[in-house]
N, C-alpha and C. Protein backbone atom coordinates (compact mmCIF):
# COMPACT_ATOMS: atom_id res chain seq x y z
N MET A 1 -283.92 42.84 -10.66
CA MET A 1 -283.28 44.04 -11.41
C MET A 1 -281.70 43.82 -11.41
N ARG A 2 -281.24 43.19 -10.56
CA ARG A 2 -279.75 42.62 -10.31
C ARG A 2 -279.48 41.87 -11.46
N TYR A 3 -280.27 41.00 -11.81
CA TYR A 3 -280.01 40.01 -12.92
C TYR A 3 -279.86 40.76 -14.14
N THR A 4 -280.95 41.79 -14.24
CA THR A 4 -280.97 42.45 -15.54
C THR A 4 -279.54 43.17 -15.52
N GLN A 5 -279.20 44.07 -14.41
CA GLN A 5 -278.00 44.79 -14.49
C GLN A 5 -276.80 43.88 -14.95
N GLU A 6 -276.72 42.78 -14.22
CA GLU A 6 -275.42 41.99 -14.47
C GLU A 6 -275.35 41.38 -15.91
N ASN A 7 -276.72 41.13 -16.64
CA ASN A 7 -276.86 40.70 -17.92
C ASN A 7 -276.37 41.98 -18.63
N LEU A 8 -276.96 42.94 -18.42
CA LEU A 8 -276.41 44.49 -19.31
C LEU A 8 -275.04 44.53 -19.23
N ILE A 9 -274.44 44.65 -18.16
CA ILE A 9 -272.95 44.68 -17.87
C ILE A 9 -272.09 43.46 -18.80
N ARG A 10 -272.49 42.18 -18.57
CA ARG A 10 -271.83 41.09 -19.47
C ARG A 10 -272.11 41.22 -20.74
N SER A 11 -273.37 42.01 -21.41
CA SER A 11 -273.60 41.91 -22.63
C SER A 11 -272.58 43.04 -23.00
N GLN A 12 -272.23 44.13 -22.39
CA GLN A 12 -271.49 45.34 -22.86
C GLN A 12 -270.32 44.84 -23.00
N ASN A 13 -269.72 44.03 -22.10
CA ASN A 13 -268.41 43.53 -21.94
C ASN A 13 -268.01 42.44 -23.07
N GLN A 14 -269.30 41.60 -23.50
CA GLN A 14 -268.93 40.77 -24.65
C GLN A 14 -269.12 41.76 -25.89
N ARG A 15 -269.89 42.67 -25.86
CA ARG A 15 -269.68 43.38 -27.46
C ARG A 15 -268.61 44.04 -27.23
N SER A 16 -267.91 44.71 -26.15
CA SER A 16 -266.84 45.29 -26.37
C SER A 16 -265.65 44.32 -26.85
N ALA A 17 -265.63 43.03 -26.18
CA ALA A 17 -264.65 42.03 -26.34
C ALA A 17 -264.74 41.71 -28.25
N SER A 18 -266.13 41.46 -28.36
CA SER A 18 -266.33 41.16 -29.78
C SER A 18 -265.87 42.35 -30.87
N GLU A 19 -266.19 43.60 -30.36
CA GLU A 19 -265.57 44.84 -31.17
C GLU A 19 -263.91 44.83 -31.38
N ASN A 20 -263.58 44.30 -30.00
CA ASN A 20 -261.90 44.44 -30.09
C ASN A 20 -261.28 43.37 -31.09
N LEU A 21 -262.32 42.28 -30.94
CA LEU A 21 -261.63 40.97 -31.63
C LEU A 21 -261.94 41.31 -33.19
N ARG A 22 -263.10 41.96 -33.44
CA ARG A 22 -263.34 42.14 -34.84
C ARG A 22 -262.36 43.21 -35.29
N GLU A 23 -262.00 44.16 -34.73
CA GLU A 23 -260.76 45.20 -35.12
C GLU A 23 -259.59 44.47 -35.27
N LYS A 24 -259.04 43.46 -34.55
CA LYS A 24 -258.17 42.62 -34.49
C LYS A 24 -258.24 42.00 -35.90
N ILE A 25 -259.37 41.23 -36.16
CA ILE A 25 -259.20 40.29 -37.25
C ILE A 25 -259.25 41.23 -38.50
N ASP A 26 -259.93 42.39 -38.63
CA ASP A 26 -259.93 43.14 -40.05
C ASP A 26 -258.64 43.76 -40.04
N SER A 27 -257.93 44.19 -38.94
CA SER A 27 -256.46 44.51 -38.96
C SER A 27 -255.62 43.23 -39.52
N ALA A 28 -255.96 42.23 -39.27
CA ALA A 28 -254.93 40.91 -39.48
C ALA A 28 -255.63 40.77 -41.00
N LEU A 29 -256.62 41.00 -41.39
CA LEU A 29 -257.11 40.76 -42.96
C LEU A 29 -256.45 41.62 -43.85
N ARG A 30 -256.56 42.88 -42.96
CA ARG A 30 -256.08 43.99 -44.08
C ARG A 30 -254.40 43.79 -44.26
N SER A 31 -253.63 43.25 -43.18
CA SER A 31 -252.52 42.82 -43.13
C SER A 31 -252.13 41.69 -44.40
N ILE A 32 -252.86 40.87 -44.07
CA ILE A 32 -252.80 39.62 -45.24
C ILE A 32 -252.86 40.21 -46.67
N ILE A 33 -254.06 40.92 -46.65
CA ILE A 33 -254.38 41.39 -48.00
C ILE A 33 -253.15 42.31 -48.40
N GLY A 34 -252.55 43.08 -47.91
CA GLY A 34 -251.47 43.89 -48.32
C GLY A 34 -250.33 43.07 -48.56
N SER A 35 -250.02 41.86 -47.65
CA SER A 35 -248.96 40.97 -48.01
C SER A 35 -249.23 40.13 -49.29
N VAL A 36 -250.44 39.73 -49.31
CA VAL A 36 -250.76 38.91 -50.71
C VAL A 36 -250.81 39.84 -51.77
N HIS A 37 -251.27 41.26 -51.82
CA HIS A 37 -251.15 42.00 -53.03
C HIS A 37 -249.75 42.23 -53.30
N GLY A 38 -248.66 42.44 -52.40
CA GLY A 38 -247.29 42.49 -52.51
C GLY A 38 -246.85 41.52 -52.97
N GLN A 39 -246.92 40.38 -52.87
CA GLN A 39 -246.75 38.81 -53.53
C GLN A 39 -247.10 38.90 -54.90
N PHE A 40 -248.18 39.47 -54.95
CA PHE A 40 -249.17 39.15 -56.33
C PHE A 40 -248.16 40.36 -57.37
N VAL A 41 -247.83 41.43 -56.86
CA VAL A 41 -247.12 42.54 -57.47
C VAL A 41 -245.75 41.93 -57.75
N THR A 42 -245.13 41.47 -56.62
CA THR A 42 -243.52 40.76 -56.97
C THR A 42 -243.66 39.87 -57.93
N VAL A 43 -244.56 38.68 -57.84
CA VAL A 43 -244.54 37.76 -58.79
C VAL A 43 -244.95 38.25 -60.24
N ASN A 44 -245.75 38.99 -60.49
CA ASN A 44 -245.87 39.80 -61.80
C ASN A 44 -244.66 40.56 -62.45
N ASN A 45 -244.02 41.35 -61.54
CA ASN A 45 -242.99 41.99 -61.89
C ASN A 45 -241.78 40.99 -62.37
N ALA A 46 -241.55 39.98 -61.54
CA ALA A 46 -240.71 38.75 -61.72
C ALA A 46 -241.01 38.24 -62.91
N LEU A 47 -242.18 37.95 -63.10
CA LEU A 47 -242.67 37.07 -64.65
C LEU A 47 -242.42 38.12 -65.82
N GLN A 48 -242.71 39.27 -65.42
CA GLN A 48 -242.33 40.21 -66.62
C GLN A 48 -240.87 40.39 -66.91
N THR A 49 -240.34 40.53 -65.78
CA THR A 49 -238.60 40.61 -65.95
C THR A 49 -238.21 39.22 -66.71
N ARG A 50 -238.77 38.29 -66.29
CA ARG A 50 -238.60 36.97 -67.07
C ARG A 50 -238.80 37.23 -68.52
N ILE A 51 -240.02 37.67 -68.88
CA ILE A 51 -240.36 37.65 -70.32
C ILE A 51 -239.64 38.58 -70.92
N ASN A 52 -239.09 39.69 -70.35
CA ASN A 52 -238.20 40.40 -71.05
C ASN A 52 -236.81 40.01 -71.39
N GLU A 53 -236.30 39.03 -70.47
CA GLU A 53 -235.23 37.97 -70.56
C GLU A 53 -235.11 37.09 -71.64
N VAL A 54 -236.15 36.74 -71.72
CA VAL A 54 -236.58 35.70 -72.69
C VAL A 54 -236.57 36.38 -74.19
N ILE A 55 -237.11 37.48 -74.35
CA ILE A 55 -237.36 38.14 -75.37
C ILE A 55 -236.00 38.52 -75.91
N ASN A 56 -235.12 38.80 -74.93
CA ASN A 56 -233.70 39.50 -75.30
C ASN A 56 -232.86 37.92 -75.79
N ALA A 57 -233.17 37.09 -74.97
CA ALA A 57 -232.30 35.62 -75.58
C ALA A 57 -232.61 35.27 -76.69
N ARG A 58 -234.17 35.42 -76.85
CA ARG A 58 -234.59 34.81 -78.49
C ARG A 58 -233.90 35.55 -79.47
N ASP A 59 -234.07 37.01 -79.16
CA ASP A 59 -233.70 37.92 -80.41
C ASP A 59 -232.05 37.78 -80.58
N ASN A 60 -231.20 37.70 -79.61
CA ASN A 60 -229.80 37.28 -79.59
C ASN A 60 -229.64 35.80 -80.51
N LEU A 61 -230.61 35.01 -79.98
CA LEU A 61 -230.23 33.64 -81.00
C LEU A 61 -230.77 33.95 -82.46
N ARG A 62 -231.81 34.70 -82.64
CA ARG A 62 -232.20 35.09 -84.09
C ARG A 62 -231.12 35.64 -84.75
N LEU A 63 -230.20 36.45 -83.96
CA LEU A 63 -229.35 37.49 -85.00
C LEU A 63 -228.27 36.48 -84.93
N SER A 64 -227.80 35.39 -84.06
CA SER A 64 -226.81 34.23 -84.57
C SER A 64 -227.26 33.27 -85.19
N LEU A 65 -228.71 33.01 -85.47
CA LEU A 65 -228.83 32.11 -86.74
C LEU A 65 -228.86 32.71 -87.94
N ARG A 66 -229.32 34.32 -87.89
CA ARG A 66 -228.94 35.00 -89.38
C ARG A 66 -227.37 34.86 -89.80
N LYS A 67 -226.68 34.82 -88.77
CA LYS A 67 -225.13 34.92 -89.17
C LYS A 67 -224.84 33.79 -89.66
N VAL A 68 -225.45 32.47 -88.65
CA VAL A 68 -224.93 31.19 -89.21
C VAL A 68 -225.54 31.00 -90.62
N THR A 69 -226.64 31.38 -90.99
CA THR A 69 -227.16 31.18 -92.31
C THR A 69 -226.43 31.88 -93.37
N GLN A 70 -226.01 33.07 -93.14
CA GLN A 70 -224.97 33.74 -94.20
C GLN A 70 -223.72 32.97 -94.00
N GLU A 71 -223.35 32.47 -93.04
CA GLU A 71 -221.98 31.76 -93.16
C GLU A 71 -222.38 30.36 -93.86
N LEU A 72 -223.46 29.76 -93.86
CA LEU A 72 -223.66 28.60 -94.64
C LEU A 72 -223.74 29.22 -96.26
N TYR A 73 -224.50 30.07 -96.40
CA TYR A 73 -224.50 30.52 -97.86
C TYR A 73 -223.17 30.45 -98.31
N GLU A 74 -222.40 31.45 -97.56
CA GLU A 74 -221.03 31.70 -98.16
C GLU A 74 -220.26 30.44 -98.41
N VAL A 75 -220.24 29.38 -97.38
CA VAL A 75 -219.32 28.34 -97.50
C VAL A 75 -219.98 27.34 -98.50
N GLU A 76 -221.42 27.28 -98.80
CA GLU A 76 -221.75 26.39 -99.89
C GLU A 76 -221.23 27.09 -101.10
N ASN A 77 -221.33 28.34 -101.19
CA ASN A 77 -220.45 28.95 -102.50
C ASN A 77 -219.12 28.82 -102.64
N LEU A 78 -218.39 28.84 -101.63
CA LEU A 78 -217.14 28.19 -101.68
C LEU A 78 -216.72 27.32 -101.93
N ILE A 79 -217.82 25.88 -101.52
CA ILE A 79 -217.46 24.78 -101.95
C ILE A 79 -217.79 24.49 -103.25
N GLY A 80 -218.79 25.34 -103.97
CA GLY A 80 -218.90 25.11 -105.20
C GLY A 80 -217.93 25.87 -106.36
N ALA A 81 -217.29 26.92 -105.69
CA ALA A 81 -216.11 27.60 -106.41
C ALA A 81 -215.00 26.49 -106.57
N LEU A 82 -214.66 25.98 -105.13
CA LEU A 82 -213.64 24.98 -105.11
C LEU A 82 -213.82 24.04 -106.12
N LYS A 83 -215.09 23.36 -105.94
CA LYS A 83 -215.46 22.14 -107.06
C LYS A 83 -215.35 22.69 -108.91
N LYS A 84 -215.59 24.08 -109.02
CA LYS A 84 -215.54 24.56 -110.13
C LYS A 84 -213.95 24.61 -110.52
N THR A 85 -213.26 25.25 -109.50
CA THR A 85 -211.91 25.46 -109.61
C THR A 85 -211.17 23.78 -110.00
N THR A 86 -211.30 22.68 -109.00
CA THR A 86 -210.80 21.69 -109.29
C THR A 86 -211.17 21.05 -110.64
N ASP A 87 -212.59 20.86 -110.99
CA ASP A 87 -212.82 20.71 -112.12
C ASP A 87 -212.12 21.36 -113.54
N ASP A 88 -211.83 22.74 -113.08
CA ASP A 88 -211.30 23.52 -114.32
C ASP A 88 -209.65 22.92 -114.55
N LYS A 89 -209.15 22.30 -113.32
CA LYS A 89 -207.70 22.07 -113.47
C LYS A 89 -207.42 20.74 -113.78
N ILE A 90 -208.27 19.65 -113.79
CA ILE A 90 -208.34 18.42 -114.21
C ILE A 90 -207.94 18.16 -115.63
N GLN A 91 -208.58 19.15 -116.45
CA GLN A 91 -208.49 18.94 -117.97
C GLN A 91 -206.74 19.51 -118.33
N PRO A 92 -206.31 20.59 -117.72
CA PRO A 92 -205.11 20.58 -117.96
C PRO A 92 -203.86 19.73 -117.48
N LEU A 93 -204.40 19.20 -116.38
CA LEU A 93 -203.38 17.99 -115.89
C LEU A 93 -203.49 16.85 -116.76
N LYS A 94 -204.65 16.81 -117.26
CA LYS A 94 -204.80 15.54 -118.13
C LYS A 94 -203.85 16.00 -119.55
N VAL A 95 -203.96 16.84 -120.17
CA VAL A 95 -203.16 17.48 -121.08
C VAL A 95 -201.71 17.36 -121.05
N ALA A 96 -201.48 17.91 -119.75
CA ALA A 96 -200.06 17.92 -119.41
C ALA A 96 -199.55 16.50 -119.22
N GLN A 97 -200.06 15.47 -118.69
CA GLN A 97 -199.69 14.00 -118.30
C GLN A 97 -199.78 13.24 -119.47
N THR A 98 -200.69 13.59 -120.76
CA THR A 98 -200.68 13.15 -121.97
C THR A 98 -199.27 13.54 -122.68
N ARG A 99 -199.08 15.04 -122.77
CA ARG A 99 -197.81 15.40 -123.27
C ARG A 99 -196.51 14.75 -122.81
N LEU A 100 -196.48 14.78 -121.46
CA LEU A 100 -195.53 13.89 -120.90
C LEU A 100 -195.44 12.70 -121.36
N LYS A 101 -196.47 11.74 -121.38
CA LYS A 101 -196.35 10.38 -121.73
C LYS A 101 -195.75 10.40 -123.17
N GLU A 102 -196.68 11.23 -123.90
CA GLU A 102 -196.19 11.16 -125.47
C GLU A 102 -194.56 11.43 -125.74
N ARG A 103 -194.03 12.41 -124.93
CA ARG A 103 -192.76 12.76 -124.96
C ARG A 103 -191.88 11.58 -124.35
N THR A 104 -192.09 10.69 -123.78
CA THR A 104 -191.47 9.79 -123.28
C THR A 104 -191.51 8.41 -124.02
N ARG A 105 -192.43 8.32 -124.93
CA ARG A 105 -192.77 7.17 -125.97
C ARG A 105 -192.40 7.62 -127.29
N ARG A 106 -191.87 8.62 -127.59
CA ARG A 106 -191.54 8.85 -128.94
C ARG A 106 -190.59 7.80 -129.75
N ILE A 107 -191.01 7.75 -130.72
CA ILE A 107 -190.43 6.55 -131.62
C ILE A 107 -189.24 7.23 -132.29
N ASN A 108 -187.95 6.10 -132.16
CA ASN A 108 -186.94 6.86 -132.98
C ASN A 108 -186.19 7.92 -132.59
N VAL A 109 -186.59 8.58 -131.18
CA VAL A 109 -186.10 9.85 -130.44
C VAL A 109 -185.49 9.37 -129.17
N GLU A 110 -184.33 9.78 -129.09
CA GLU A 110 -183.79 9.40 -127.70
C GLU A 110 -184.56 10.26 -126.61
N SER A 111 -184.63 9.58 -125.42
CA SER A 111 -185.31 10.31 -124.41
C SER A 111 -184.51 10.78 -123.58
N CYS A 112 -184.53 12.37 -123.74
CA CYS A 112 -183.74 13.20 -122.92
C CYS A 112 -184.24 14.04 -121.74
N TYR A 113 -183.73 14.58 -120.56
CA TYR A 113 -184.18 15.11 -119.94
C TYR A 113 -183.71 16.68 -120.01
N ASP A 114 -184.50 17.38 -120.98
CA ASP A 114 -184.00 18.76 -121.15
C ASP A 114 -185.08 19.89 -120.60
N GLN A 115 -184.94 20.85 -121.07
CA GLN A 115 -185.68 22.13 -119.98
C GLN A 115 -187.29 21.77 -120.71
N PRO A 116 -187.85 21.33 -121.93
CA PRO A 116 -189.07 21.42 -122.01
C PRO A 116 -189.71 19.87 -121.05
N MET A 117 -188.68 19.09 -120.74
CA MET A 117 -189.38 17.93 -119.94
C MET A 117 -189.19 18.04 -118.92
N LYS A 118 -188.44 18.88 -118.24
CA LYS A 118 -188.47 19.59 -116.70
C LYS A 118 -189.61 20.28 -116.58
N THR A 119 -190.07 21.22 -117.49
CA THR A 119 -191.15 22.24 -117.42
C THR A 119 -192.41 21.20 -117.60
N LEU A 120 -192.48 20.33 -117.93
CA LEU A 120 -193.74 19.48 -118.29
C LEU A 120 -193.92 18.83 -116.95
N GLN A 121 -192.62 18.21 -116.29
CA GLN A 121 -192.78 17.53 -115.06
C GLN A 121 -193.10 18.40 -113.90
N THR A 122 -192.61 19.72 -113.97
CA THR A 122 -193.07 20.73 -113.12
C THR A 122 -194.59 20.91 -113.02
N GLU A 123 -194.95 21.18 -114.57
CA GLU A 123 -196.29 21.71 -114.47
C GLU A 123 -197.13 20.35 -113.87
N VAL A 124 -196.98 19.10 -114.30
CA VAL A 124 -197.92 17.90 -113.62
C VAL A 124 -197.77 18.14 -112.33
N LEU A 125 -196.76 18.31 -111.51
CA LEU A 125 -196.42 18.12 -110.10
C LEU A 125 -197.12 19.32 -109.39
N GLU A 126 -197.12 20.51 -110.24
CA GLU A 126 -197.96 21.60 -109.69
C GLU A 126 -199.40 21.46 -109.71
N LEU A 127 -199.97 21.07 -111.09
CA LEU A 127 -201.13 20.87 -111.16
C LEU A 127 -201.69 19.65 -110.05
N ARG A 128 -201.08 18.69 -109.97
CA ARG A 128 -201.54 17.74 -108.90
C ARG A 128 -201.68 18.10 -107.63
N LYS A 129 -200.54 19.13 -107.22
CA LYS A 129 -200.39 19.75 -105.89
C LYS A 129 -201.51 20.69 -105.55
N THR A 130 -201.73 21.53 -106.78
CA THR A 130 -203.07 22.34 -106.74
C THR A 130 -204.39 21.77 -106.48
N ILE A 131 -204.49 20.69 -107.17
CA ILE A 131 -205.88 19.90 -107.08
C ILE A 131 -205.73 19.20 -105.61
N GLU A 132 -204.88 18.73 -105.31
CA GLU A 132 -204.94 18.22 -103.76
C GLU A 132 -205.21 19.42 -102.81
N GLU A 133 -204.80 20.48 -102.88
CA GLU A 133 -204.80 21.57 -101.84
C GLU A 133 -206.37 21.91 -102.15
N LEU A 134 -206.92 22.02 -103.44
CA LEU A 134 -208.23 22.43 -103.45
C LEU A 134 -209.20 21.35 -103.01
N LYS A 135 -208.85 19.97 -103.28
CA LYS A 135 -209.61 18.82 -102.52
C LYS A 135 -209.88 19.06 -101.05
N ASN A 136 -208.53 19.14 -100.57
CA ASN A 136 -208.26 19.42 -98.86
C ASN A 136 -209.32 20.38 -98.55
N ASN A 137 -209.10 21.59 -99.37
CA ASN A 137 -210.04 22.97 -98.85
C ASN A 137 -211.55 22.53 -98.79
N ARG A 138 -211.70 21.95 -99.96
CA ARG A 138 -213.01 21.45 -100.16
C ARG A 138 -213.68 20.56 -99.19
N ARG A 139 -212.68 19.61 -98.54
CA ARG A 139 -213.07 18.49 -97.51
C ARG A 139 -213.17 19.53 -96.20
N ASN A 140 -212.23 20.40 -96.11
CA ASN A 140 -212.32 21.25 -94.91
C ASN A 140 -213.59 22.20 -94.75
N ALA A 141 -214.03 22.73 -96.01
CA ALA A 141 -215.03 23.52 -96.32
C ALA A 141 -216.48 22.34 -96.10
N SER A 142 -216.41 21.53 -96.50
CA SER A 142 -217.56 20.46 -96.19
C SER A 142 -217.63 20.11 -94.63
N ILE A 143 -216.59 20.23 -93.80
CA ILE A 143 -216.64 19.96 -92.46
C ILE A 143 -217.30 21.11 -91.94
N THR A 144 -216.83 22.13 -92.05
CA THR A 144 -217.08 23.51 -91.79
C THR A 144 -218.70 23.59 -91.92
N LEU A 145 -219.18 23.36 -93.18
CA LEU A 145 -220.65 23.19 -93.79
C LEU A 145 -221.51 22.49 -92.61
N ALA A 146 -220.89 21.09 -92.61
CA ALA A 146 -221.74 20.20 -91.57
C ALA A 146 -221.88 20.96 -89.95
N ARG A 147 -220.64 21.66 -89.75
CA ARG A 147 -220.61 22.14 -88.41
C ARG A 147 -221.65 23.32 -88.21
N LEU A 148 -221.78 24.12 -89.30
CA LEU A 148 -222.87 25.24 -89.26
C LEU A 148 -224.03 24.67 -89.69
N GLN A 149 -224.34 23.59 -90.15
CA GLN A 149 -225.77 23.12 -90.36
C GLN A 149 -226.09 22.63 -88.86
N LYS A 150 -225.32 21.93 -88.40
CA LYS A 150 -225.53 21.42 -86.96
C LYS A 150 -225.98 22.64 -86.02
N SER A 151 -225.12 23.67 -86.08
CA SER A 151 -225.34 24.85 -85.29
C SER A 151 -226.55 25.50 -85.74
N ARG A 152 -226.85 25.55 -86.95
CA ARG A 152 -227.98 26.13 -87.10
C ARG A 152 -229.30 25.52 -86.80
N THR A 153 -229.32 23.94 -86.90
CA THR A 153 -230.33 23.15 -86.20
C THR A 153 -230.63 23.35 -84.40
N SER A 154 -229.58 23.39 -84.01
CA SER A 154 -229.18 23.77 -82.69
C SER A 154 -229.95 25.22 -82.18
N LEU A 155 -229.69 26.06 -83.22
CA LEU A 155 -230.31 27.48 -82.82
C LEU A 155 -231.85 27.54 -83.10
N GLU A 156 -232.31 26.87 -84.23
CA GLU A 156 -233.43 26.65 -84.47
C GLU A 156 -234.35 26.05 -83.15
N GLN A 157 -233.69 25.12 -82.72
CA GLN A 157 -234.64 24.45 -81.60
C GLN A 157 -234.47 25.30 -80.45
N GLU A 158 -233.36 26.13 -80.09
CA GLU A 158 -233.32 27.02 -78.98
C GLU A 158 -234.16 27.81 -79.03
N ILE A 159 -234.60 28.46 -80.45
CA ILE A 159 -235.24 29.56 -80.81
C ILE A 159 -236.76 29.26 -80.40
N GLU A 160 -237.02 27.80 -80.99
CA GLU A 160 -238.14 27.47 -80.58
C GLU A 160 -238.80 27.09 -79.10
N THR A 161 -237.72 26.60 -78.49
CA THR A 161 -238.07 26.64 -76.91
C THR A 161 -238.29 28.03 -76.18
N LYS A 162 -237.15 29.01 -76.48
CA LYS A 162 -237.38 30.02 -76.20
C LYS A 162 -239.18 30.82 -76.53
N GLU A 163 -239.54 30.68 -77.64
CA GLU A 163 -240.70 30.90 -78.39
C GLU A 163 -241.91 30.28 -77.57
N ASN A 164 -241.71 28.79 -77.16
CA ASN A 164 -242.79 28.06 -76.25
C ASN A 164 -242.65 28.65 -75.11
N SER A 165 -241.52 29.03 -74.14
CA SER A 165 -241.47 29.32 -73.03
C SER A 165 -241.95 31.00 -72.87
N LEU A 166 -241.55 31.96 -73.75
CA LEU A 166 -242.30 33.02 -73.83
C LEU A 166 -243.86 33.09 -74.12
N SER A 167 -244.18 32.30 -74.78
CA SER A 167 -245.80 32.12 -74.83
C SER A 167 -246.46 31.70 -73.57
N ILE A 168 -245.82 30.62 -72.99
CA ILE A 168 -246.30 30.29 -71.64
C ILE A 168 -246.41 31.35 -70.63
N ASP A 169 -245.32 31.97 -70.46
CA ASP A 169 -245.07 33.07 -69.64
C ASP A 169 -246.02 34.30 -69.93
N GLN A 170 -246.30 34.46 -71.20
CA GLN A 170 -247.08 35.71 -71.43
C GLN A 170 -248.50 35.19 -71.19
N ARG A 171 -248.89 34.03 -71.49
CA ARG A 171 -250.24 33.60 -71.09
C ARG A 171 -250.28 33.82 -69.35
N CYS A 172 -249.45 33.04 -69.01
CA CYS A 172 -249.47 33.21 -67.19
C CYS A 172 -249.83 34.63 -66.85
N LEU A 173 -248.71 35.65 -67.33
CA LEU A 173 -248.89 37.05 -67.14
C LEU A 173 -250.43 37.51 -67.13
N SER A 174 -251.03 37.17 -68.55
CA SER A 174 -252.12 37.96 -68.87
C SER A 174 -253.26 37.24 -67.90
N MET A 175 -253.29 36.11 -67.49
CA MET A 175 -254.17 35.40 -66.87
C MET A 175 -253.99 35.95 -65.24
N ARG A 176 -252.81 36.41 -64.92
CA ARG A 176 -252.71 36.99 -63.36
C ARG A 176 -253.14 38.42 -63.52
N LYS A 177 -253.08 39.12 -64.50
CA LYS A 177 -253.34 40.46 -64.78
C LYS A 177 -254.89 40.69 -64.69
N SER A 178 -255.68 39.48 -65.06
CA SER A 178 -257.03 39.50 -64.95
C SER A 178 -257.69 39.08 -63.44
N PHE A 179 -256.87 38.66 -62.69
CA PHE A 179 -257.36 38.46 -61.39
C PHE A 179 -257.86 39.89 -60.90
N PRO A 180 -259.09 39.62 -60.18
CA PRO A 180 -259.90 40.81 -59.49
C PRO A 180 -259.38 41.53 -58.36
N ILE A 181 -258.03 41.68 -58.33
CA ILE A 181 -257.39 42.43 -57.21
C ILE A 181 -257.25 43.72 -57.82
N LYS A 182 -257.96 44.93 -57.20
CA LYS A 182 -258.07 46.34 -57.41
C LYS A 182 -256.70 46.87 -56.77
N ASP A 183 -256.59 46.82 -55.43
CA ASP A 183 -255.60 47.60 -54.70
C ASP A 183 -255.28 46.67 -53.51
N LYS A 184 -254.29 47.04 -52.56
CA LYS A 184 -253.84 46.32 -51.70
C LYS A 184 -255.10 46.52 -50.37
N TYR A 185 -255.66 47.21 -50.65
CA TYR A 185 -256.99 47.20 -49.47
C TYR A 185 -258.45 46.44 -50.17
N GLY A 186 -258.14 45.80 -51.14
CA GLY A 186 -259.19 45.28 -51.59
C GLY A 186 -259.72 43.95 -50.83
N SER A 187 -260.77 43.20 -51.31
CA SER A 187 -261.16 42.15 -50.66
C SER A 187 -260.26 40.73 -50.92
N LEU A 188 -260.13 40.20 -49.53
CA LEU A 188 -259.37 39.09 -49.61
C LEU A 188 -260.06 38.05 -50.58
N TYR A 189 -261.23 38.06 -50.37
CA TYR A 189 -261.97 36.75 -50.99
C TYR A 189 -261.89 37.42 -52.51
N ALA A 190 -261.65 38.34 -53.15
CA ALA A 190 -261.58 38.44 -54.44
C ALA A 190 -260.66 37.58 -55.20
N ILE A 191 -259.42 37.42 -54.26
CA ILE A 191 -258.48 36.20 -54.91
C ILE A 191 -258.82 35.00 -55.11
N PRO A 192 -259.02 34.60 -56.30
CA PRO A 192 -259.42 33.13 -56.87
C PRO A 192 -258.47 31.99 -56.23
N VAL A 193 -259.30 30.87 -55.64
CA VAL A 193 -258.67 29.73 -54.99
C VAL A 193 -258.88 28.61 -55.66
N SER A 194 -257.97 28.05 -56.04
CA SER A 194 -258.59 26.65 -56.59
C SER A 194 -258.20 25.38 -55.66
N TYR A 195 -259.25 24.38 -55.92
CA TYR A 195 -258.67 23.17 -54.85
C TYR A 195 -258.45 22.11 -55.67
């Protein structure tokens, strides 16, 4: 009987210790589950914030791309107008040069530097100067066009990168939201583990 009594007391002590240990384990598991859930929510919120930032950056890049595309259109039109204006000035220059040349080659007429001669020379100089300015403006516009095309290409690549990043982040977030975590008191074993 003494052995039975001792065994009963030892058994009760073991059960009591086992219950205490089980309570501590359950408390630790609840704490871990709460911590894991908190981290889960924090990461989801951070990922959503990142998605919003990428969307804003992408939208700003798209706006910049629209502006650059509009500027490209305007510069291309300007180059076309400058080319047409230059071409329109070449014919009057040829006429003025021909008139000036003919005036200096007149047979049996003394070459003189009178007002019509001065006017012809001034006209030729002004037309040459105007054509040179138009060509310089066209060169500058072509340089601007090349820079704008480079900017457009760069913006298109950045937008593509943002789109790719956004796609990856959205897929990650949708996969994370499908995890079987219900609340912070749910089962720790409901969290998928990959090895």
